[in-house]
Protein backbone atom coordinates (compact mmCIF):
# COMPACT_ATOMS: atom_id res chain seq x y z
CA MET A 1 -0.17 0.21 0.10
CA SER A 2 1.58 3.11 -1.34
CA VAL A 3 0.06 6.62 -0.04
CA PHE A 4 0.61 9.87 -2.29
CA ALA A 5 -1.15 13.20 -2.58
CA LEU A 6 -1.17 15.29 -6.32
CA GLY A 7 -2.35 18.72 -5.96
CA LEU A 8 -1.99 22.15 -7.42
CA ASN A 9 -2.15 25.14 -5.06
CA HIS A 10 -1.24 28.95 -4.79
CA THR A 11 2.37 28.63 -5.18
CA SER A 12 1.93 26.49 -7.92
CA ALA A 13 -0.35 27.25 -10.70
CA PRO A 14 -2.69 30.87 -11.68
CA LEU A 15 -6.02 31.36 -10.94
CA ASP A 16 -7.76 30.24 -13.57
CA LEU A 17 -5.99 26.83 -14.24
CA ARG A 18 -6.60 26.52 -9.91
CA GLY A 19 -10.57 27.26 -11.24
CA ARG A 20 -10.49 24.50 -13.62
CA PHE A 21 -10.05 21.83 -10.48
CA ALA A 22 -12.26 23.39 -8.44
CA PHE A 23 -14.92 21.05 -6.91
CA THR A 24 -17.89 22.31 -5.02
CA LEU A 25 -18.82 19.87 -1.81
CA GLU A 26 -21.80 18.33 -3.80
CA GLN A 27 -19.18 17.55 -6.62
CA LEU A 28 -16.96 15.39 -4.20
CA ALA A 29 -18.58 12.22 -3.85
CA PRO A 30 -19.44 11.31 -7.56
CA THR A 31 -15.72 12.57 -8.42
CA LEU A 32 -14.22 10.46 -6.03
CA LEU A 33 -16.65 7.26 -7.04
CA ARG A 34 -15.67 8.02 -10.49
CA PHE A 35 -11.80 7.62 -9.97
CA GLN A 36 -12.38 4.53 -8.12
CA ASP A 37 -14.02 3.30 -11.30
CA GLN A 38 -11.35 4.64 -13.69
CA VAL A 39 -7.97 4.15 -12.33
CA GLY A 40 -8.55 2.10 -8.61
CA ALA A 41 -10.69 -0.28 -10.19
CA PRO A 42 -8.29 -2.54 -12.46
CA GLN A 43 -6.24 -3.36 -8.86
CA ARG A 44 -9.55 -4.51 -7.47
CA ARG A 45 -8.32 -7.92 -9.38
CA ARG A 46 -5.45 -7.88 -7.01
CA THR A 47 -6.89 -6.24 -3.94
CA ALA A 48 -9.07 -3.73 -2.59
CA ALA A 49 -10.30 -0.63 -4.37
CA ALA A 50 -7.74 2.40 -3.81
CA GLU A 51 -8.86 4.91 -0.96
CA ALA A 52 -9.32 8.32 -2.58
CA ALA A 53 -10.21 11.72 -0.75
CA ILE A 54 -10.25 15.18 -2.57
CA LEU A 55 -9.62 18.69 -0.50
CA SER A 56 -10.71 21.72 -2.84
CA THR A 57 -10.67 25.24 -1.62
CA CYS A 58 -9.89 28.79 -3.51
CA ASN A 59 -6.42 28.24 -3.23
CA ARG A 60 -6.12 24.69 -3.79
CA THR A 61 -6.69 21.64 -4.95
CA GLU A 62 -5.35 18.20 -3.61
CA LEU A 63 -6.02 14.64 -4.75
CA TYR A 64 -5.09 11.80 -1.80
CA VAL A 65 -4.79 8.10 -2.83
CA ALA A 66 -3.96 5.54 -0.87
CA GLY A 67 -3.17 2.47 -3.35
CA ASP A 68 -0.46 0.80 -5.83
CA ALA A 69 2.53 2.55 -6.44
CA ASP A 70 2.25 2.69 -10.59
CA MET A 71 -1.10 4.64 -9.40
CA VAL A 72 0.57 7.89 -9.83
CA ARG A 73 0.80 8.48 -13.30
CA PRO A 74 -2.70 7.19 -14.36
CA ALA A 75 -4.17 9.71 -11.55
CA VAL A 76 -2.11 12.64 -13.39
CA ASP A 77 -3.99 11.72 -16.55
CA TRP A 78 -7.01 11.30 -14.66
CA LEU A 79 -7.39 14.70 -12.97
CA ALA A 80 -5.91 15.97 -16.01
CA GLN A 81 -8.85 14.92 -18.08
CA VAL A 82 -11.12 16.00 -15.50
CA GLY A 83 -9.79 19.29 -15.53
CA GLY A 84 -9.68 19.56 -19.68
CA VAL A 85 -5.90 20.07 -19.93
CA GLY A 86 -3.42 17.77 -20.77
CA SER A 87 -1.79 15.92 -18.54
CA ALA A 88 1.90 17.41 -19.28
CA THR A 89 0.62 21.47 -17.77
CA LEU A 90 -1.12 19.59 -15.27
CA MET A 91 2.33 18.55 -14.18
CA ASP A 92 3.86 21.89 -15.21
CA HIS A 93 1.85 23.49 -12.53
CA SER A 94 0.98 20.55 -9.89
CA TYR A 95 2.90 18.64 -7.35
CA VAL A 96 3.28 14.83 -6.34
CA VAL A 97 4.35 13.70 -2.95
CA GLU A 98 4.34 10.20 -1.79
CA GLY A 99 4.56 8.27 1.40
CA GLY A 100 6.33 10.19 4.72
CA ASP A 101 6.50 13.30 2.36
CA ALA A 102 2.19 12.96 1.67
CA ALA A 103 2.23 12.89 5.86
CA ARG A 104 4.42 15.57 6.14
CA HIS A 105 2.17 17.56 3.14
CA ALA A 106 -1.03 16.97 4.76
CA PHE A 107 0.21 17.74 8.21
CA ARG A 108 1.84 20.99 7.08
CA VAL A 109 -1.71 21.64 5.38
CA ALA A 110 -4.31 21.01 8.10
CA SER A 111 -1.50 23.07 10.28
CA GLY A 112 -1.86 25.73 8.39
CA LEU A 113 1.75 26.38 6.87
CA ASP A 114 1.09 25.88 3.77
CA SER A 115 -1.83 28.41 3.77
CA MET A 116 -1.62 31.57 1.80
CA VAL A 117 -2.26 33.11 5.17
CA LEU A 118 0.11 31.31 7.31
CA GLY A 119 -1.92 29.67 10.09
CA GLU A 120 -5.05 30.17 9.10
CA PRO A 121 -7.54 27.61 10.67
CA GLN A 122 -10.47 27.95 8.49
CA ILE A 123 -8.37 24.83 6.23
CA LEU A 124 -8.36 22.62 9.10
CA GLY A 125 -11.90 22.74 8.83
CA GLN A 126 -12.22 22.41 5.26
CA LEU A 127 -10.03 19.78 5.22
CA LYS A 128 -12.19 17.89 7.76
CA GLN A 129 -15.20 18.04 5.88
CA ALA A 130 -13.53 16.82 2.40
CA VAL A 131 -12.66 13.73 5.01
CA ARG A 132 -16.51 13.78 6.02
CA GLU A 133 -17.34 13.65 2.44
CA ALA A 134 -15.06 11.12 1.31
CA ASP A 135 -16.14 8.50 4.02
CA GLN A 136 -19.63 8.92 3.14
CA ALA A 137 -18.96 8.25 -0.61
CA GLY A 138 -16.94 5.08 0.93
CA THR A 139 -13.91 5.79 -0.52
CA LEU A 140 -12.16 6.83 2.92
CA GLY A 141 -10.17 3.59 3.97
CA THR A 142 -7.92 2.66 6.91
CA THR A 143 -4.80 3.89 5.72
CA LEU A 144 -6.10 7.30 4.55
CA HIS A 145 -8.56 7.53 7.99
CA GLN A 146 -5.49 7.24 9.83
CA LEU A 147 -3.43 10.07 7.50
CA PHE A 148 -6.25 12.24 8.17
CA GLN A 149 -6.84 11.48 11.69
CA ARG A 150 -3.08 12.41 12.85
CA SER A 151 -3.48 15.33 10.91
CA PHE A 152 -6.08 16.61 12.91
CA SER A 153 -4.02 15.67 16.22
CA VAL A 154 -1.29 17.10 14.85
CA ALA A 155 -3.16 20.90 14.01
CA LYS A 156 -4.53 20.53 17.33
CA GLU A 157 -1.19 20.01 19.10
CA VAL A 158 0.39 23.09 16.78
CA ARG A 159 -2.33 25.34 17.70
CA SER A 160 -1.86 24.70 21.12
CA SER A 161 1.75 24.26 21.59
CA THR A 162 2.77 27.37 19.11
CA GLU A 163 2.00 30.99 18.11
CA ILE A 164 1.58 30.06 15.05
CA GLY A 165 -2.23 31.30 15.08
CA SER A 166 -1.36 34.66 16.47
CA HIS A 167 0.20 35.29 13.64
CA SER A 168 -2.33 34.75 10.70
CA ILE A 169 -4.81 37.18 8.97
CA SER A 170 -7.74 35.70 7.83
CA MET A 171 -8.77 36.79 3.72
CA ALA A 172 -11.58 37.91 5.32
CA ALA A 173 -9.74 40.47 7.77
CA ALA A 174 -7.09 41.17 4.33
CA SER A 175 -10.11 42.55 2.37
CA VAL A 176 -11.01 44.97 5.42
CA ARG A 177 -7.54 46.15 5.32
CA LEU A 178 -7.61 46.90 2.05
CA ALA A 179 -10.67 48.67 1.53
CA ALA A 180 -9.32 51.53 4.43
CA GLN A 181 -6.70 51.32 2.12
CA LEU A 182 -8.41 52.53 -0.43
CA PHE A 183 -11.35 54.58 1.51
CA GLU A 184 -10.81 57.76 3.80
CA ASN A 185 -13.82 56.12 5.90
CA LEU A 186 -15.32 53.07 5.75
CA ALA A 187 -18.22 54.41 7.65
CA ASP A 188 -19.34 55.95 4.59
CA LEU A 189 -18.95 52.54 2.36
CA ARG A 190 -22.02 50.74 1.13
CA VAL A 191 -20.78 46.86 1.17
CA LEU A 192 -22.35 44.13 -1.21
CA LEU A 193 -21.67 40.59 0.19
CA VAL A 194 -22.31 37.91 -3.45
CA GLY A 195 -22.98 34.74 -1.86
CA ALA A 196 -23.50 32.96 1.98
CA GLY A 197 -20.91 30.66 2.61
CA GLU A 198 -18.24 30.51 5.85
CA MET A 199 -16.24 33.02 3.80
CA ILE A 200 -18.78 35.71 3.24
CA GLU A 201 -19.78 35.15 6.29
CA LEU A 202 -15.99 36.33 7.84
CA VAL A 203 -15.68 39.03 5.72
CA GLY A 204 -19.26 40.52 6.74
CA THR A 205 -18.30 40.17 10.01
CA HIS A 206 -15.13 42.03 10.04
CA PHE A 207 -16.78 44.69 7.61
CA ALA A 208 -20.07 45.41 10.23
CA ALA A 209 -17.11 45.47 12.90
CA LYS A 210 -16.43 48.76 10.68
CA GLY A 211 -19.69 49.86 10.69
CA PRO A 212 -20.39 51.10 7.03
CA LYS A 213 -23.09 52.76 5.96
CA SER A 214 -24.60 50.18 4.89
CA ILE A 215 -24.65 45.90 4.22
CA SER A 216 -26.27 43.97 1.48
CA VAL A 217 -26.35 40.32 0.81
CA ALA A 218 -26.99 39.03 -2.65
CA ASN A 219 -27.72 35.11 -3.00
CA ARG A 220 -29.53 32.54 -5.11
CA THR A 221 -31.61 31.43 -2.71
CA LEU A 222 -33.05 34.33 -1.03
CA GLU A 223 -33.46 32.24 2.38
CA ARG A 224 -29.96 31.44 3.15
CA GLY A 225 -28.85 35.08 2.32
CA GLU A 226 -31.79 36.54 4.78
CA LYS A 227 -30.40 34.58 7.28
CA LEU A 228 -27.37 35.82 6.69
CA ALA A 229 -28.10 39.42 6.55
CA THR A 230 -30.42 39.10 9.86
CA HIS A 231 -27.05 37.82 11.34
CA LEU A 232 -25.07 41.29 10.06
CA GLY A 233 -27.86 43.27 10.22
CA ALA A 234 -28.00 43.38 6.89
CA GLU A 235 -30.69 43.55 3.85
CA ALA A 236 -30.83 40.45 1.72
CA PHE A 237 -32.16 40.28 -2.06
CA ARG A 238 -32.22 37.83 -4.78
CA LEU A 239 -28.77 37.08 -7.26
CA ALA A 240 -31.24 37.71 -10.55
CA ASP A 241 -31.24 41.62 -9.25
CA LEU A 242 -27.61 41.94 -8.94
CA PRO A 243 -27.01 43.59 -12.12
CA ASP A 244 -30.10 46.27 -11.35
CA ARG A 245 -28.32 47.25 -8.16
CA LEU A 246 -24.56 47.03 -8.59
CA HIS A 247 -24.49 50.40 -9.11
CA GLU A 248 -25.49 51.02 -5.63
CA PHE A 249 -22.16 49.54 -3.90
CA ASP A 250 -18.85 51.41 -3.45
CA ALA A 251 -17.18 47.53 -2.07
CA VAL A 252 -18.59 44.21 -3.57
CA ILE A 253 -17.07 41.22 -2.41
CA SER A 254 -17.83 37.93 -4.24
CA CYS A 255 -17.61 34.01 -2.91
CA THR A 256 -19.76 31.28 -4.45
CA ALA A 257 -19.35 28.04 -6.01
CA SER A 258 -20.86 29.17 -9.19
CA SER A 259 -18.56 27.64 -12.28
CA LEU A 260 -19.29 30.74 -14.26
CA PRO A 261 -19.22 34.30 -13.70
CA LEU A 262 -21.77 36.02 -11.71
CA ILE A 263 -20.47 39.67 -12.07
CA GLY A 264 -19.26 40.28 -16.07
CA LEU A 265 -17.88 43.37 -17.93
CA GLY A 266 -21.11 44.78 -19.35
CA ALA A 267 -22.92 45.09 -16.25
CA VAL A 268 -20.17 46.72 -13.88
CA GLU A 269 -19.80 49.29 -16.87
CA ARG A 270 -23.27 50.24 -16.70
CA ALA A 271 -23.09 50.00 -12.85
CA LEU A 272 -20.17 52.98 -13.66
CA LYS A 273 -22.36 54.97 -15.74
CA LYS A 274 -24.52 54.87 -13.15
CA ARG A 275 -22.17 56.24 -10.63
CA ARG A 276 -20.50 58.51 -12.73
CA HIS A 277 -17.42 56.61 -12.36
CA LYS A 278 -17.43 56.66 -8.89
CA PRO A 279 -15.33 53.81 -8.14
CA MET A 280 -15.82 50.69 -7.01
CA PHE A 281 -13.97 48.62 -4.72
CA MET A 282 -14.38 44.60 -5.74
CA VAL A 283 -12.77 41.51 -4.29
CA ASP A 284 -12.88 38.53 -6.07
CA LEU A 285 -12.48 35.23 -3.34
CA ALA A 286 -14.36 32.71 -5.88
CA VAL A 287 -12.24 29.75 -7.50
CA PRO A 288 -13.03 29.86 -10.17
CA ARG A 289 -13.79 33.65 -10.67
CA ASP A 290 -17.50 35.04 -10.04
CA ILE A 291 -15.84 38.12 -11.59
CA GLU A 292 -14.85 38.17 -14.89
CA GLN A 293 -10.93 39.32 -15.32
CA GLU A 294 -11.50 41.74 -18.16
CA VAL A 295 -13.45 44.03 -15.12
CA ALA A 296 -9.55 44.58 -13.64
CA GLN A 297 -8.75 46.51 -16.57
CA LEU A 298 -11.46 49.41 -16.21
CA ASP A 299 -10.21 52.22 -14.81
CA ASP A 300 -12.70 53.23 -12.18
CA VAL A 301 -12.97 49.24 -10.57
CA TYR A 302 -9.89 47.89 -8.26
CA LEU A 303 -10.46 44.44 -8.51
CA TYR A 304 -8.09 42.07 -6.25
CA THR A 305 -8.52 38.50 -6.36
CA VAL A 306 -7.34 35.69 -3.65
CA ASP A 307 -3.78 35.93 -4.82
CA ASP A 308 -3.59 39.67 -5.14
CA LEU A 309 -4.50 39.21 -1.44
CA SER A 310 -1.58 37.51 -0.61
CA LYS A 311 0.63 40.72 -0.11
CA LEU A 312 -1.33 41.40 2.75
CA VAL A 313 -1.44 38.22 4.47
CA GLN A 314 2.46 37.98 4.56
CA THR A 315 3.92 38.18 8.43
CA ALA A 316 7.32 38.64 9.22
CA GLY A 317 9.63 38.92 12.71
CA GLU A 318 11.00 36.27 14.90
CA LYS A 319 8.18 35.22 16.48
CA ARG A 320 6.76 33.75 13.47
CA GLN A 321 9.93 31.90 12.51
CA ALA A 322 9.95 30.97 16.14
CA ALA A 323 6.71 29.54 15.78
CA VAL A 324 6.88 28.07 12.26
CA GLN A 325 10.31 26.08 13.49
CA GLN A 326 8.41 24.49 16.60
CA ALA A 327 5.20 23.97 14.43
CA GLU A 328 7.94 21.83 11.83
CA ALA A 329 9.36 19.98 14.74
CA ILE A 330 5.85 18.53 16.12
CA ILE A 331 5.05 17.53 12.51
CA GLU A 332 8.01 16.19 11.64
CA THR A 333 7.32 13.93 15.46
CA GLY A 334 3.61 12.78 13.38
CA VAL A 335 4.97 12.11 10.05
CA GLN A 336 8.04 9.71 11.68
CA SER A 337 4.56 7.70 13.57
CA PHE A 338 2.26 7.66 10.66
CA VAL A 339 5.49 6.06 8.87
CA HIS A 340 6.39 3.88 10.99
CA TRP A 341 2.07 2.94 10.97
CA LEU A 342 2.35 2.12 7.51
CA GLY A 343 5.63 0.16 7.51
CA GLN A 344 3.28 -1.96 10.18
CA ARG A 345 0.67 -2.22 7.74
CA HIS A 346 2.85 -3.54 5.25
CA THR A 347 4.01 -6.84 7.50
CA VAL A 348 0.04 -7.14 8.68
CA PRO A 349 -0.53 -10.11 5.35
CA LEU A 350 2.87 -12.22 6.52
CA ILE A 351 1.99 -11.69 10.52
CA GLN A 352 -1.16 -12.93 9.14
CA ALA A 353 0.60 -16.31 6.91
CA LEU A 354 2.86 -17.14 10.01
CA HIS A 355 -0.41 -17.58 12.39
CA GLN A 356 -2.01 -19.03 10.06
CA GLN A 357 0.84 -21.67 9.59
CA ALA A 358 1.53 -22.14 13.04
CA ASP A 359 -1.80 -22.88 13.66
CA SER A 360 -2.03 -25.28 10.94
CA TRP A 361 1.07 -27.28 12.48
CA ARG A 362 -0.24 -27.05 16.05
CA GLN A 363 -3.30 -28.53 14.59
CA ALA A 364 -1.60 -31.67 12.88
CA GLU A 365 0.54 -32.22 15.87
CA LEU A 366 -2.95 -32.33 18.31
CA GLN A 367 -4.51 -34.94 15.96
CA ARG A 368 -1.43 -37.25 15.83
CA ALA A 369 -1.07 -36.89 19.84
CA ARG A 370 -4.62 -37.63 20.02
CA LYS A 371 -4.48 -40.94 18.04
CA LEU A 372 -1.57 -41.99 20.01
CA LEU A 373 -3.04 -41.21 23.40
CA ALA A 374 -6.07 -43.54 21.95
CA LYS A 375 -3.91 -46.49 21.22
CA GLY A 376 -2.81 -46.21 25.11
CA GLU A 377 0.56 -44.94 24.19
CA ASP A 378 2.38 -43.56 27.50
CA ILE A 379 1.43 -39.92 27.76
CA ASP A 380 5.20 -38.49 28.63
CA SER A 381 5.96 -39.89 25.06
CA VAL A 382 3.39 -38.80 23.65
CA LEU A 383 4.28 -35.17 24.95
CA ASP A 384 7.60 -34.84 24.03
CA ALA A 385 6.43 -36.01 20.54
CA LEU A 386 4.17 -33.65 20.11
CA ALA A 387 6.90 -30.69 21.27
CA ARG A 388 9.68 -32.74 19.21
CA GLY A 389 6.95 -32.14 16.12
CA LEU A 390 6.29 -28.93 16.55
CA THR A 391 10.32 -28.17 17.34
CA GLN A 392 11.10 -29.85 13.61
CA LYS A 393 8.33 -27.97 11.53
CA MET A 394 9.65 -24.50 12.99
CA LEU A 395 12.91 -24.73 12.35
CA HIS A 396 12.52 -26.57 8.81
CA GLY A 397 12.62 -23.26 7.39
CA ALA A 398 15.45 -22.11 9.01
CA MET A 399 17.64 -24.66 8.52
CA ALA A 400 16.89 -25.50 4.73
CA GLU A 401 17.67 -21.71 4.12
CA LEU A 402 20.69 -22.28 5.93
CA ASN A 403 22.02 -25.22 3.73
CA GLY A 404 20.48 -23.93 0.85
CA SER A 405 22.96 -20.53 1.04
CA ASP A 406 26.57 -20.37 0.76
CA GLY A 407 29.23 -17.61 1.03
CA GLU A 408 28.71 -14.27 2.28
CA GLN A 409 24.94 -14.65 1.68
CA ARG A 410 24.95 -17.96 4.31
CA LEU A 411 26.62 -15.47 6.78
CA GLN A 412 23.67 -12.96 6.59
CA MET A 413 21.04 -15.60 6.83
CA ALA A 414 23.02 -17.15 9.99
CA GLN A 415 23.18 -13.58 11.61
CA THR A 416 18.89 -13.65 10.50
CA VAL A 417 18.24 -16.48 12.08
CA SER A 418 20.08 -15.79 15.28
CA ARG A 419 18.07 -12.50 15.62
CA LEU A 420 14.86 -15.00 15.17
CA PHE A 421 15.99 -17.77 17.19
CA LEU A 422 18.40 -16.69 19.96
CA ARG A 423 16.62 -13.82 21.27
CA GLY A 424 16.40 -15.10 24.73
CA SER A 425 19.41 -16.64 25.04
CA ALA A 426 21.87 -16.12 27.49
CA LYS A 427 24.91 -16.33 25.15
CA THR A 428 24.83 -16.22 21.33
CA PRO A 429 27.75 -18.45 19.31
CA GLY A 430 30.02 -16.19 16.95
CA LEU A 431 29.02 -17.07 13.44
CA ARG A 432 31.64 -17.85 10.70
CA ALA A 433 30.99 -17.92 6.93
CA ASP A 434 33.49 -21.11 6.94
CA ALA A 435 32.17 -23.24 10.16
CA LEU A 436 28.49 -22.70 9.26
CA GLY A 437 28.50 -25.46 7.03
CA ASP A 438 29.32 -28.14 9.75
CA GLU A 439 26.71 -26.56 12.26
CA ALA A 440 24.08 -26.44 9.73
CA ASP A 441 24.46 -30.20 8.72
CA SER A 442 24.74 -31.84 12.37
C-alpha cells in the first residue's frame, strides 16, 4: 500500500488554472467514485479498491490516494482530463508527494503552514469536511483515515503548543484592510456581499465591525441570504436582481460556488455609468472566478483576487519564525509516527500468514497426539513427540535456508536466524561463514 498526494495550489498554479479543478461539496462524492471506477478499479483484481479523498478550496485542489505505487501516473492523467487540460500542463503546475512526504504535506496543510495565510484556521475545517465527504462516499479506507486523523491531532497540537495562529491574517480581515487603504472612511461605504457561505460570513463580520453605511447580501437562495443578513443586520436580495442594483455599492466582495462568472464586464460598465464613474472596490474570493477578469481593466474599478490578497497576509519577524520551527518539529514527529504505522501495515499479511501456518502445525500435532493417546501410548512419550514435532516444523525452514545458501549470503542468513531464534539466549555463538556448514548439517 502506497500513499501519495497530487495537487496544485496558489504557489504552483495561476488562479484560472486552479479554477478548472475546483469542486463544490456536492461534486466531491461522484468525482471520487469516478476516480475509483476509472483509476482504482483495475487493482480490485489484486487487492481492494484504491482509497481516495479530495480537498478543494480557493487556494488548492489536492487528491489524496492510498493504493498501488504505480497509480501516480494514471491519477495525473485522470485529473488532467477532469480539468480539461493536458497531462503535461497539469504536471508543470502541480506536485506529487509520496509516503512520508505525503504525510508531511497533509500535516502542514492541516496546521496552516502551507496556506497563503500562515496559520489560518479555516483550512482545518475544510480538510475535515473533505474527509467527511470521502467517508460518506465510501472511498475513505483505513490508511487515509489514519493519515487524516493524525493530521487533525498534529494540527491541534500545533495550535495549542505554538503561536502560529496569532500571526495569521484571514482573507476576510485582509479584504477590510485593503478597503481601508483605498477609502478614507469605511463608515461611508455601501458594502455588497455576494454569496452566503462561510467565507462571506467572515468578510461580513469584519466589515460590520467597521460600521459601514450599509451591508447587503445577494444570494441565489433568498432564504439563506436573509439568514446571513439577519446575523449582520443587513439587507438581503436575490442574485437575479444584482445587475440592476450593482451601481448602489462602493465595495463588492464575492465568493460563491458558481462555475461561471456572476458579474460580467458589461454589468460593471453600466454600474459605473450610473455611479458617474465613482470608484468601486471589488474582491473576488471565488475559485473559479465570480467576477470576469476583464473587469480589472476598467479605470474606476479596483479588483482583487485571492492571489492579490497574498501580499497583505505576509507576516514576518522572529516570533513567526520561532512558531514555524516549533510547528515543523511537531509535524516531523507526527510524520515519523505515521511512517512507522504504515510500515507495520505492510507486514500485516505476513503476520497473518505466520499465525495461520503455526496454527496448522499445532492442529496437525494435536491430531497426531490424540491418535497416539487413543492407542494407549504413554502420555509422557506422546507429549515429548508433540513438542519434538512442533520444534522440527518451526526449525525446518530456517535450516533449509541455511543449507541452501553459501558464502556471504549464508553468513547473513545465519545472523538473521540467530536474531529470530536466539534472542532470549544468554550467549549467542560467534558466526563464521566457514564454520556454518558443519553447524547447519549437524
